[in-house]
Amino acid sequence: MTEIIREFVVKEEARGRFELAFGPGGAWSRLFGRAPGFRGATLLRDTQDRRRYLLVEVWDTEAQRARAWADHASEHAALDADLADWCEARTELGAFTMLAQAAVRPLRGGH
């Protein structure tokens, strides 16, 4: 699996629109929701700076992601135009592969 992580700094007045577009059931998920290899996206908001967000997309492979972007280029361009109006900064932090995942065990005795 490949996880693509992007950082956005969103204008205060655009935060609601941004959250609707990139949150559950938003335009971003609908755009790629049926694309082969797309496993979903998670939108995170910084606890200290309410205008800073991370978007984590999960794909089976980088090739499937590239194909989906090519297949939906016009729709992506329209959403990208909205982002240009909503954001002060946009940065793709990179593509990452999960090496390990820690499992959390429940505490015994309520401690």
PDB file of N, CA and C in Angstrom:
ATOM      1  N   MET A   1       0.839  -1.180   0.000  1.00  0.00           N
ATOM      2  CA  MET A   1       0.000   0.000   0.000  1.00  0.00           C
ATOM      3  C   MET A   1       0.880   1.237   0.000  1.00  0.00           C
ATOM      4  N   THR A   2       0.372   2.260  -0.636  1.00  0.00           N
ATOM      5  CA  THR A   2       1.040   3.550  -0.705  1.00  0.00           C
ATOM      6  C   THR A   2       0.138   4.602  -0.081  1.00  0.00           C
ATOM      7  N   GLU A   3       0.706   5.414   0.784  1.00  0.00           N
ATOM      8  CA  GLU A   3      -0.042   6.505   1.398  1.00  0.00           C
ATOM      9  C   GLU A   3       0.566   7.818   0.938  1.00  0.00           C
ATOM     10  N   ILE A   4      -0.279   8.665   0.371  1.00  0.00           N
ATOM     11  CA  ILE A   4       0.134   9.973  -0.115  1.00  0.00           C
ATOM     12  C   ILE A   4      -0.302  10.983   0.941  1.00  0.00           C
ATOM     13  N   ILE A   5       0.639  11.795   1.390  1.00  0.00           N
ATOM     14  CA  ILE A   5       0.321  12.758   2.445  1.00  0.00           C
ATOM     15  C   ILE A   5       0.529  14.165   1.909  1.00  0.00           C
ATOM     16  N   ARG A   6      -0.530  14.974   2.049  1.00  0.00           N
ATOM     17  CA  ARG A   6      -0.491  16.370   1.617  1.00  0.00           C
ATOM     18  C   ARG A   6      -0.823  17.266   2.798  1.00  0.00           C
ATOM     19  N   GLU A   7      -0.217  18.431   2.806  1.00  0.00           N
ATOM     20  CA  GLU A   7      -0.498  19.433   3.833  1.00  0.00           C
ATOM     21  C   GLU A   7      -1.166  20.630   3.163  1.00  0.00           C
ATOM     22  N   PHE A   8      -2.189  21.154   3.822  1.00  0.00           N
ATOM     23  CA  PHE A   8      -2.905  22.328   3.342  1.00  0.00           C
ATOM     24  C   PHE A   8      -2.989  23.353   4.465  1.00  0.00           C
ATOM     25  N   VAL A   9      -2.768  24.610   4.126  1.00  0.00           N
ATOM     26  CA  VAL A   9      -3.069  25.711   5.033  1.00  0.00           C
ATOM     27  C   VAL A   9      -4.225  26.455   4.374  1.00  0.00           C
ATOM     28  N   VAL A  10      -5.383  26.390   5.035  1.00  0.00           N
ATOM     29  CA  VAL A  10      -6.638  26.848   4.446  1.00  0.00           C
ATOM     30  C   VAL A  10      -7.015  28.219   4.994  1.00  0.00           C
ATOM     31  N   LYS A  11      -7.487  29.085   4.115  1.00  0.00           N
ATOM     32  CA  LYS A  11      -7.973  30.400   4.548  1.00  0.00           C
ATOM     33  C   LYS A  11      -9.126  30.190   5.530  1.00  0.00           C
ATOM     34  N   GLU A  12      -9.169  31.007   6.553  1.00  0.00           N
ATOM     35  CA  GLU A  12     -10.186  30.861   7.603  1.00  0.00           C
ATOM     36  C   GLU A  12     -11.595  30.804   7.023  1.00  0.00           C
ATOM     37  N   GLU A  13     -11.885  31.686   6.091  1.00  0.00           N
ATOM     38  CA  GLU A  13     -13.247  31.757   5.535  1.00  0.00           C
ATOM     39  C   GLU A  13     -13.584  30.570   4.633  1.00  0.00           C
ATOM     40  N   ALA A  14     -12.609  29.752   4.271  1.00  0.00           N
ATOM     41  CA  ALA A  14     -12.840  28.614   3.373  1.00  0.00           C
ATOM     42  C   ALA A  14     -12.804  27.266   4.097  1.00  0.00           C
ATOM     43  N   ARG A  15     -12.575  27.276   5.406  1.00  0.00           N
ATOM     44  CA  ARG A  15     -12.425  26.019   6.136  1.00  0.00           C
ATOM     45  C   ARG A  15     -13.635  25.095   5.975  1.00  0.00           C
ATOM     46  N   GLY A  16     -14.838  25.606   6.074  1.00  0.00           N
ATOM     47  CA  GLY A  16     -16.041  24.780   5.948  1.00  0.00           C
ATOM     48  C   GLY A  16     -16.137  24.115   4.588  1.00  0.00           C
ATOM     49  N   ARG A  17     -15.891  24.876   3.538  1.00  0.00           N
ATOM     50  CA  ARG A  17     -15.935  24.318   2.178  1.00  0.00           C
ATOM     51  C   ARG A  17     -14.857  23.266   1.982  1.00  0.00           C
ATOM     52  N   PHE A  18     -13.669  23.549   2.507  1.00  0.00           N
ATOM     53  CA  PHE A  18     -12.562  22.591   2.397  1.00  0.00           C
ATOM     54  C   PHE A  18     -12.909  21.284   3.108  1.00  0.00           C
ATOM     55  N   GLU A  19     -13.422  21.381   4.327  1.00  0.00           N
ATOM     56  CA  GLU A  19     -13.766  20.181   5.088  1.00  0.00           C
ATOM     57  C   GLU A  19     -14.864  19.379   4.406  1.00  0.00           C
ATOM     58  N   LEU A  20     -15.834  20.054   3.805  1.00  0.00           N
ATOM     59  CA  LEU A  20     -16.878  19.332   3.066  1.00  0.00           C
ATOM     60  C   LEU A  20     -16.307  18.614   1.846  1.00  0.00           C
ATOM     61  N   ALA A  21     -15.407  19.267   1.132  1.00  0.00           N
ATOM     62  CA  ALA A  21     -14.839  18.683  -0.092  1.00  0.00           C
ATOM     63  C   ALA A  21     -13.923  17.500   0.204  1.00  0.00           C
ATOM     64  N   PHE A  22     -13.169  17.568   1.295  1.00  0.00           N
ATOM     65  CA  PHE A  22     -12.174  16.532   1.569  1.00  0.00           C
ATOM     66  C   PHE A  22     -12.553  15.596   2.712  1.00  0.00           C
ATOM     67  N   GLY A  23     -13.647  15.881   3.377  1.00  0.00           N
ATOM     68  CA  GLY A  23     -14.109  15.007   4.454  1.00  0.00           C
ATOM     69  C   GLY A  23     -14.864  13.807   3.906  1.00  0.00           C
ATOM     70  N   PRO A  24     -15.452  13.006   4.804  1.00  0.00           N
ATOM     71  CA  PRO A  24     -16.191  11.795   4.392  1.00  0.00           C
ATOM     72  C   PRO A  24     -17.313  12.120   3.414  1.00  0.00           C
ATOM     73  N   GLY A  25     -17.334  11.406   2.306  1.00  0.00           N
ATOM     74  CA  GLY A  25     -18.381  11.591   1.306  1.00  0.00           C
ATOM     75  C   GLY A  25     -18.231  12.847   0.471  1.00  0.00           C
ATOM     76  N   GLY A  26     -17.112  13.561   0.637  1.00  0.00           N
ATOM     77  CA  GLY A  26     -16.893  14.804  -0.096  1.00  0.00           C
ATOM     78  C   GLY A  26     -16.460  14.570  -1.524  1.00  0.00           C
ATOM     79  N   ALA A  27     -16.226  15.664  -2.212  1.00  0.00           N
ATOM     80  CA  ALA A  27     -15.879  15.617  -3.633  1.00  0.00           C
ATOM     81  C   ALA A  27     -14.636  14.776  -3.901  1.00  0.00           C
ATOM     82  N   TRP A  28     -13.650  14.847  -3.010  1.00  0.00           N
ATOM     83  CA  TRP A  28     -12.406  14.093  -3.222  1.00  0.00           C
ATOM     84  C   TRP A  28     -12.673  12.589  -3.206  1.00  0.00           C
ATOM     85  N   SER A  29     -13.393  12.117  -2.206  1.00  0.00           N
ATOM     86  CA  SER A  29     -13.696  10.684  -2.114  1.00  0.00           C
ATOM     87  C   SER A  29     -14.592  10.235  -3.259  1.00  0.00           C
ATOM     88  N   ARG A  30     -15.539  11.074  -3.645  1.00  0.00           N
ATOM     89  CA  ARG A  30     -16.411  10.714  -4.765  1.00  0.00           C
ATOM     90  C   ARG A  30     -15.623  10.647  -6.068  1.00  0.00           C
ATOM     91  N   LEU A  31     -14.657  11.549  -6.224  1.00  0.00           N
ATOM     92  CA  LEU A  31     -13.864  11.578  -7.454  1.00  0.00           C
ATOM     93  C   LEU A  31     -13.096  10.283  -7.644  1.00  0.00           C
ATOM     94  N   PHE A  32     -12.458   9.801  -6.580  1.00  0.00           N
ATOM     95  CA  PHE A  32     -11.621   8.612  -6.710  1.00  0.00           C
ATOM     96  C   PHE A  32     -12.253   7.361  -6.113  1.00  0.00           C
ATOM     97  N   GLY A  33     -13.422   7.480  -5.545  1.00  0.00           N
ATOM     98  CA  GLY A  33     -14.052   6.376  -4.823  1.00  0.00           C
ATOM     99  C   GLY A  33     -14.208   5.081  -5.600  1.00  0.00           C
ATOM    100  N   ARG A  34     -14.401   5.180  -6.895  1.00  0.00           N
ATOM    101  CA  ARG A  34     -14.582   3.964  -7.705  1.00  0.00           C
ATOM    102  C   ARG A  34     -13.324   3.584  -8.470  1.00  0.00           C
ATOM    103  N   ALA A  35     -12.247   4.319  -8.255  1.00  0.00           N
ATOM    104  CA  ALA A  35     -11.001   4.029  -8.970  1.00  0.00           C
ATOM    105  C   ALA A  35     -10.358   2.763  -8.414  1.00  0.00           C
ATOM    106  N   PRO A  36      -9.891   1.888  -9.289  1.00  0.00           N
ATOM    107  CA  PRO A  36      -9.205   0.682  -8.810  1.00  0.00           C
ATOM    108  C   PRO A  36      -8.013   1.048  -7.930  1.00  0.00           C
ATOM    109  N   GLY A  37      -7.923   0.404  -6.795  1.00  0.00           N
ATOM    110  CA  GLY A  37      -6.793   0.607  -5.903  1.00  0.00           C
ATOM    111  C   GLY A  37      -6.957   1.692  -4.862  1.00  0.00           C
ATOM    112  N   PHE A  38      -8.002   2.525  -4.968  1.00  0.00           N
ATOM    113  CA  PHE A  38      -8.211   3.581  -3.978  1.00  0.00           C
ATOM    114  C   PHE A  38      -8.851   2.971  -2.737  1.00  0.00           C
ATOM    115  N   ARG A  39      -8.220   3.136  -1.597  1.00  0.00           N
ATOM    116  CA  ARG A  39      -8.695   2.557  -0.335  1.00  0.00           C
ATOM    117  C   ARG A  39      -9.327   3.576   0.588  1.00  0.00           C
ATOM    118  N   GLY A  40      -9.224   4.853   0.231  1.00  0.00           N
ATOM    119  CA  GLY A  40      -9.858   5.886   1.035  1.00  0.00           C
ATOM    120  C   GLY A  40      -8.903   7.013   1.371  1.00  0.00           C
ATOM    121  N   ALA A  41      -9.451   7.993   2.070  1.00  0.00           N
ATOM    122  CA  ALA A  41      -8.668   9.164   2.461  1.00  0.00           C
ATOM    123  C   ALA A  41      -9.070   9.571   3.868  1.00  0.00           C
ATOM    124  N   THR A  42      -8.110  10.079   4.603  1.00  0.00           N
ATOM    125  CA  THR A  42      -8.343  10.571   5.950  1.00  0.00           C
ATOM    126  C   THR A  42      -7.948  12.040   5.991  1.00  0.00           C
ATOM    127  N   LEU A  43      -8.833  12.869   6.526  1.00  0.00           N
ATOM    128  CA  LEU A  43      -8.553  14.292   6.675  1.00  0.00           C
ATOM    129  C   LEU A  43      -8.290  14.569   8.150  1.00  0.00           C
ATOM    130  N   LEU A  44      -7.139  15.158   8.434  1.00  0.00           N
ATOM    131  CA  LEU A  44      -6.743  15.482   9.807  1.00  0.00           C
ATOM    132  C   LEU A  44      -6.595  16.992   9.939  1.00  0.00           C
ATOM    133  N   ARG A  45      -7.060  17.538  11.073  1.00  0.00           N
ATOM    134  CA  ARG A  45      -6.872  18.969  11.341  1.00  0.00           C
ATOM    135  C   ARG A  45      -5.922  19.125  12.515  1.00  0.00           C
ATOM    136  N   ASP A  46      -4.981  20.020  12.393  1.00  0.00           N
ATOM    137  CA  ASP A  46      -3.999  20.310  13.436  1.00  0.00           C
ATOM    138  C   ASP A  46      -4.722  20.787  14.699  1.00  0.00           C
ATOM    139  N   THR A  47      -4.304  20.304  15.843  1.00  0.00           N
ATOM    140  CA  THR A  47      -4.947  20.689  17.106  1.00  0.00           C
ATOM    141  C   THR A  47      -4.554  22.090  17.556  1.00  0.00           C
ATOM    142  N   GLN A  48      -3.438  22.606  17.070  1.00  0.00           N
ATOM    143  CA  GLN A  48      -2.973  23.940  17.467  1.00  0.00           C
ATOM    144  C   GLN A  48      -3.311  25.025  16.442  1.00  0.00           C
ATOM    145  N   ASP A  49      -3.326  24.656  15.170  1.00  0.00           N
ATOM    146  CA  ASP A  49      -3.601  25.604  14.084  1.00  0.00           C
ATOM    147  C   ASP A  49      -4.784  25.076  13.285  1.00  0.00           C
ATOM    148  N   ARG A  50      -5.962  25.610  13.536  1.00  0.00           N
ATOM    149  CA  ARG A  50      -7.199  25.098  12.915  1.00  0.00           C
ATOM    150  C   ARG A  50      -7.231  25.283  11.403  1.00  0.00           C
ATOM    151  N   ARG A  51      -6.280  26.013  10.849  1.00  0.00           N
ATOM    152  CA  ARG A  51      -6.242  26.201   9.398  1.00  0.00           C
ATOM    153  C   ARG A  51      -5.327  25.205   8.707  1.00  0.00           C
ATOM    154  N   ARG A  52      -4.618  24.390   9.480  1.00  0.00           N
ATOM    155  CA  ARG A  52      -3.648  23.432   8.913  1.00  0.00           C
ATOM    156  C   ARG A  52      -4.245  22.028   8.917  1.00  0.00           C
ATOM    157  N   TYR A  53      -4.185  21.378   7.746  1.00  0.00           N
ATOM    158  CA  TYR A  53      -4.754  20.048   7.569  1.00  0.00           C
ATOM    159  C   TYR A  53      -3.734  19.117   6.916  1.00  0.00           C
ATOM    160  N   LEU A  54      -3.899  17.834   7.180  1.00  0.00           N
ATOM    161  CA  LEU A  54      -3.195  16.794   6.435  1.00  0.00           C
ATOM    162  C   LEU A  54      -4.254  15.926   5.769  1.00  0.00           C
ATOM    163  N   LEU A  55      -4.016  15.568   4.535  1.00  0.00           N
ATOM    164  CA  LEU A  55      -4.866  14.622   3.816  1.00  0.00           C
ATOM    165  C   LEU A  55      -4.006  13.402   3.528  1.00  0.00           C
ATOM    166  N   VAL A  56      -4.467  12.244   3.971  1.00  0.00           N
ATOM    167  CA  VAL A  56      -3.744  10.991   3.754  1.00  0.00           C
ATOM    168  C   VAL A  56      -4.601  10.118   2.840  1.00  0.00           C
ATOM    169  N   GLU A  57      -4.118   9.897   1.624  1.00  0.00           N
ATOM    170  CA  GLU A  57      -4.798   9.014   0.669  1.00  0.00           C
ATOM    171  C   GLU A  57      -4.127   7.649   0.723  1.00  0.00           C
ATOM    172  N   VAL A  58      -4.917   6.593   0.642  1.00  0.00           N
ATOM    173  CA  VAL A  58      -4.359   5.242   0.648  1.00  0.00           C
ATOM    174  C   VAL A  58      -4.713   4.572  -0.680  1.00  0.00           C
ATOM    175  N   TRP A  59      -3.663   4.092  -1.355  1.00  0.00           N
ATOM    176  CA  TRP A  59      -3.787   3.401  -2.647  1.00  0.00           C
ATOM    177  C   TRP A  59      -3.073   2.060  -2.553  1.00  0.00           C
ATOM    178  N   ASP A  60      -3.546   1.095  -3.323  1.00  0.00           N
ATOM    179  CA  ASP A  60      -2.838  -0.185  -3.388  1.00  0.00           C
ATOM    180  C   ASP A  60      -1.448   0.012  -3.975  1.00  0.00           C
ATOM    181  N   THR A  61      -1.374   0.794  -5.074  1.00  0.00           N
ATOM    182  CA  THR A  61      -0.080   1.038  -5.722  1.00  0.00           C
ATOM    183  C   THR A  61      -0.017   2.476  -6.223  1.00  0.00           C
ATOM    184  N   GLU A  62       1.172   2.959  -6.395  1.00  0.00           N
ATOM    185  CA  GLU A  62       1.385   4.293  -6.962  1.00  0.00           C
ATOM    186  C   GLU A  62       0.914   4.330  -8.421  1.00  0.00           C
ATOM    187  N   ALA A  63       1.075   3.228  -9.137  1.00  0.00           N
ATOM    188  CA  ALA A  63       0.634   3.170 -10.538  1.00  0.00           C
ATOM    189  C   ALA A  63      -0.883   3.339 -10.646  1.00  0.00           C
ATOM    190  N   GLN A  64      -1.637   2.751  -9.726  1.00  0.00           N
ATOM    191  CA  GLN A  64      -3.089   2.910  -9.750  1.00  0.00           C
ATOM    192  C   GLN A  64      -3.483   4.356  -9.463  1.00  0.00           C
ATOM    193  N   ARG A  65      -2.762   4.983  -8.563  1.00  0.00           N
ATOM    194  CA  ARG A  65      -3.023   6.399  -8.271  1.00  0.00           C
ATOM    195  C   ARG A  65      -2.775   7.242  -9.514  1.00  0.00           C
ATOM    196  N   ALA A  66      -1.641   7.031 -10.174  1.00  0.00           N
ATOM    197  CA  ALA A  66      -1.307   7.806 -11.368  1.00  0.00           C
ATOM    198  C   ALA A  66      -2.362   7.606 -12.453  1.00  0.00           C
ATOM    199  N   ARG A  67      -2.821   6.381 -12.612  1.00  0.00           N
ATOM    200  CA  ARG A  67      -3.851   6.077 -13.620  1.00  0.00           C
ATOM    201  C   ARG A  67      -5.160   6.792 -13.291  1.00  0.00           C
ATOM    202  N   ALA A  68      -5.560   6.770 -12.020  1.00  0.00           N
ATOM    203  CA  ALA A  68      -6.796   7.434 -11.604  1.00  0.00           C
ATOM    204  C   ALA A  68      -6.715   8.938 -11.848  1.00  0.00           C
ATOM    205  N   TRP A  69      -5.559   9.534 -11.560  1.00  0.00           N
ATOM    206  CA  TRP A  69      -5.389  10.970 -11.795  1.00  0.00           C
ATOM    207  C   TRP A  69      -5.498  11.269 -13.288  1.00  0.00           C
ATOM    208  N   ALA A  70      -4.932  10.416 -14.124  1.00  0.00           N
ATOM    209  CA  ALA A  70      -5.013  10.614 -15.571  1.00  0.00           C
ATOM    210  C   ALA A  70      -6.450  10.441 -16.065  1.00  0.00           C
ATOM    211  N   ASP A  71      -7.144   9.426 -15.547  1.00  0.00           N
ATOM    212  CA  ASP A  71      -8.523   9.153 -15.963  1.00  0.00           C
ATOM    213  C   ASP A  71      -9.488  10.266 -15.558  1.00  0.00           C
ATOM    214  N   HIS A  72      -9.181  10.962 -14.479  1.00  0.00           N
ATOM    215  CA  HIS A  72     -10.085  11.992 -13.947  1.00  0.00           C
ATOM    216  C   HIS A  72      -9.443  13.376 -13.981  1.00  0.00           C
ATOM    217  N   ALA A  73      -8.628  13.618 -14.973  1.00  0.00           N
ATOM    218  CA  ALA A  73      -7.853  14.861 -15.045  1.00  0.00           C
ATOM    219  C   ALA A  73      -8.734  16.109 -15.044  1.00  0.00           C
ATOM    220  N   SER A  74      -9.833  16.114 -15.800  1.00  0.00           N
ATOM    221  CA  SER A  74     -10.661  17.326 -15.869  1.00  0.00           C
ATOM    222  C   SER A  74     -11.377  17.587 -14.548  1.00  0.00           C
ATOM    223  N   GLU A  75     -11.883  16.525 -13.907  1.00  0.00           N
ATOM    224  CA  GLU A  75     -12.549  16.695 -12.611  1.00  0.00           C
ATOM    225  C   GLU A  75     -11.553  17.151 -11.549  1.00  0.00           C
ATOM    226  N   HIS A  76     -10.346  16.575 -11.611  1.00  0.00           N
ATOM    227  CA  HIS A  76      -9.310  16.960 -10.661  1.00  0.00           C
ATOM    228  C   HIS A  76      -8.912  18.417 -10.860  1.00  0.00           C
ATOM    229  N   ALA A  77      -8.830  18.864 -12.092  1.00  0.00           N
ATOM    230  CA  ALA A  77      -8.474  20.254 -12.387  1.00  0.00           C
ATOM    231  C   ALA A  77      -9.501  21.217 -11.803  1.00  0.00           C
ATOM    232  N   ALA A  78     -10.785  20.857 -11.874  1.00  0.00           N
ATOM    233  CA  ALA A  78     -11.837  21.715 -11.312  1.00  0.00           C
ATOM    234  C   ALA A  78     -11.697  21.815  -9.792  1.00  0.00           C
ATOM    235  N   LEU A  79     -11.448  20.697  -9.143  1.00  0.00           N
ATOM    236  CA  LEU A  79     -11.265  20.704  -7.693  1.00  0.00           C
ATOM    237  C   LEU A  79      -9.987  21.454  -7.321  1.00  0.00           C
ATOM    238  N   ASP A  80      -8.967  21.313  -8.134  1.00  0.00           N
ATOM    239  CA  ASP A  80      -7.708  22.014  -7.897  1.00  0.00           C
ATOM    240  C   ASP A  80      -7.899  23.528  -7.992  1.00  0.00           C
ATOM    241  N   ALA A  81      -8.760  23.979  -8.882  1.00  0.00           N
ATOM    242  CA  ALA A  81      -9.050  25.410  -9.004  1.00  0.00           C
ATOM    243  C   ALA A  81      -9.716  25.931  -7.734  1.00  0.00           C
ATOM    244  N   ASP A  82     -10.638  25.142  -7.166  1.00  0.00           N
ATOM    245  CA  ASP A  82     -11.250  25.521  -5.891  1.00  0.00           C
ATOM    246  C   ASP A  82     -10.188  25.618  -4.799  1.00  0.00           C
ATOM    247  N   LEU A  83      -9.286  24.636  -4.768  1.00  0.00           N
ATOM    248  CA  LEU A  83      -8.223  24.635  -3.765  1.00  0.00           C
ATOM    249  C   LEU A  83      -7.363  25.894  -3.855  1.00  0.00           C
ATOM    250  N   ALA A  84      -7.102  26.347  -5.053  1.00  0.00           N
ATOM    251  CA  ALA A  84      -6.292  27.547  -5.231  1.00  0.00           C
ATOM    252  C   ALA A  84      -6.948  28.744  -4.547  1.00  0.00           C
ATOM    253  N   ASP A  85      -8.276  28.798  -4.584  1.00  0.00           N
ATOM    254  CA  ASP A  85      -9.004  29.880  -3.925  1.00  0.00           C
ATOM    255  C   ASP A  85      -9.075  29.695  -2.409  1.00  0.00           C
ATOM    256  N   TRP A  86      -9.123  28.454  -1.960  1.00  0.00           N
ATOM    257  CA  TRP A  86      -9.330  28.165  -0.537  1.00  0.00           C
ATOM    258  C   TRP A  86      -8.051  28.152   0.289  1.00  0.00           C
ATOM    259  N   CYS A  87      -6.907  27.898  -0.344  1.00  0.00           N
ATOM    260  CA  CYS A  87      -5.679  27.622   0.408  1.00  0.00           C
ATOM    261  C   CYS A  87      -4.637  28.719   0.285  1.00  0.00           C
ATOM    262  N   GLU A  88      -3.922  28.907   1.380  1.00  0.00           N
ATOM    263  CA  GLU A  88      -2.755  29.784   1.376  1.00  0.00           C
ATOM    264  C   GLU A  88      -1.517  29.001   0.952  1.00  0.00           C
ATOM    265  N   ALA A  89      -1.511  27.702   1.268  1.00  0.00           N
ATOM    266  CA  ALA A  89      -0.367  26.853   0.906  1.00  0.00           C
ATOM    267  C   ALA A  89      -0.839  25.422   0.727  1.00  0.00           C
ATOM    268  N   ARG A  90      -0.201  24.724  -0.230  1.00  0.00           N
ATOM    269  CA  ARG A  90      -0.461  23.300  -0.474  1.00  0.00           C
ATOM    270  C   ARG A  90       0.874  22.636  -0.735  1.00  0.00           C
ATOM    271  N   THR A  91       1.121  21.547  -0.016  1.00  0.00           N
ATOM    272  CA  THR A  91       2.393  20.854  -0.179  1.00  0.00           C
ATOM    273  C   THR A  91       2.167  19.355  -0.174  1.00  0.00           C
ATOM    274  N   GLU A  92       2.668  18.663  -1.195  1.00  0.00           N
ATOM    275  CA  GLU A  92       2.660  17.205  -1.135  1.00  0.00           C
ATOM    276  C   GLU A  92       3.897  16.797  -0.356  1.00  0.00           C
ATOM    277  N   LEU A  93       3.686  16.202   0.803  1.00  0.00           N
ATOM    278  CA  LEU A  93       4.791  15.817   1.670  1.00  0.00           C
ATOM    279  C   LEU A  93       5.484  14.560   1.169  1.00  0.00           C
ATOM    280  N   GLY A  94       4.757  13.736   0.417  1.00  0.00           N
ATOM    281  CA  GLY A  94       5.387  12.575  -0.170  1.00  0.00           C
ATOM    282  C   GLY A  94       4.492  11.363  -0.229  1.00  0.00           C
ATOM    283  N   ALA A  95       5.045  10.313  -0.820  1.00  0.00           N
ATOM    284  CA  ALA A  95       4.388   9.006  -0.913  1.00  0.00           C
ATOM    285  C   ALA A  95       5.142   8.069   0.023  1.00  0.00           C
ATOM    286  N   PHE A  96       4.391   7.376   0.853  1.00  0.00           N
ATOM    287  CA  PHE A  96       4.987   6.538   1.885  1.00  0.00           C
ATOM    288  C   PHE A  96       4.429   5.127   1.811  1.00  0.00           C
ATOM    289  N   THR A  97       5.263   4.164   2.167  1.00  0.00           N
ATOM    290  CA  THR A  97       4.855   2.770   2.262  1.00  0.00           C
ATOM    291  C   THR A  97       4.921   2.366   3.723  1.00  0.00           C
ATOM    292  N   MET A  98       3.855   1.738   4.200  1.00  0.00           N
ATOM    293  CA  MET A  98       3.829   1.311   5.588  1.00  0.00           C
ATOM    294  C   MET A  98       4.768   0.127   5.782  1.00  0.00           C
ATOM    295  N   LEU A  99       5.659   0.253   6.729  1.00  0.00           N
ATOM    296  CA  LEU A  99       6.583  -0.826   7.046  1.00  0.00           C
ATOM    297  C   LEU A  99       6.077  -1.672   8.199  1.00  0.00           C
ATOM    298  N   ALA A 100       5.414  -1.045   9.143  1.00  0.00           N
ATOM    299  CA  ALA A 100       4.914  -1.767  10.311  1.00  0.00           C
ATOM    300  C   ALA A 100       3.775  -0.975  10.908  1.00  0.00           C
ATOM    301  N   GLN A 101       2.923  -1.679  11.619  1.00  0.00           N
ATOM    302  CA  GLN A 101       1.818  -1.043  12.313  1.00  0.00           C
ATOM    303  C   GLN A 101       1.731  -1.659  13.701  1.00  0.00           C
ATOM    304  N   ALA A 102       1.716  -0.828  14.699  1.00  0.00           N
ATOM    305  CA  ALA A 102       1.649  -1.317  16.071  1.00  0.00           C
ATOM    306  C   ALA A 102       0.200  -1.599  16.446  1.00  0.00           C
ATOM    307  N   ALA A 103      -0.003  -2.732  17.069  1.00  0.00           N
ATOM    308  CA  ALA A 103      -1.331  -3.079  17.572  1.00  0.00           C
ATOM    309  C   ALA A 103      -1.407  -2.630  19.023  1.00  0.00           C
ATOM    310  N   VAL A 104      -2.538  -2.061  19.387  1.00  0.00           N
ATOM    311  CA  VAL A 104      -2.740  -1.618  20.762  1.00  0.00           C
ATOM    312  C   VAL A 104      -3.596  -2.651  21.464  1.00  0.00           C
ATOM    313  N   ARG A 105      -3.082  -3.138  22.574  1.00  0.00           N
ATOM    314  CA  ARG A 105      -3.827  -4.113  23.355  1.00  0.00           C
ATOM    315  C   ARG A 105      -4.594  -3.395  24.447  1.00  0.00           C
ATOM    316  N   PRO A 106      -5.799  -3.861  24.771  1.00  0.00           N
ATOM    317  CA  PRO A 106      -6.544  -3.248  25.872  1.00  0.00           C
ATOM    318  C   PRO A 106      -5.807  -3.457  27.191  1.00  0.00           C
ATOM    319  N   LEU A 107      -5.900  -2.473  28.052  1.00  0.00           N
ATOM    320  CA  LEU A 107      -5.284  -2.576  29.388  1.00  0.00           C
ATOM    321  C   LEU A 107      -6.064  -3.540  30.258  1.00  0.00           C
ATOM    322  N   ARG A 108      -5.363  -4.281  31.054  1.00  0.00           N
ATOM    323  CA  ARG A 108      -6.028  -5.197  31.988  1.00  0.00           C
ATOM    324  C   ARG A 108      -6.353  -4.476  33.286  1.00  0.00           C
ATOM    325  N   GLY A 109      -7.476  -4.815  33.868  1.00  0.00           N
ATOM    326  CA  GLY A 109      -7.838  -4.271  35.158  1.00  0.00           C
ATOM    327  C   GLY A 109      -8.198  -2.795  35.129  1.00  0.00           C
ATOM    328  N   GLY A 110      -8.482  -2.248  33.942  1.00  0.00           N
ATOM    329  CA  GLY A 110      -8.898  -0.867  33.848  1.00  0.00           C
ATOM    330  C   GLY A 110      -7.798   0.156  34.072  1.00  0.00           C
ATOM    331  N   HIS A 111      -6.543  -0.249  34.014  1.00  0.00           N
ATOM    332  CA  HIS A 111      -5.425   0.691  34.243  1.00  0.00           C
ATOM    333  C   HIS A 111      -4.790   1.051  32.939  1.00  0.00           C
TER     334      HIS A 111
END
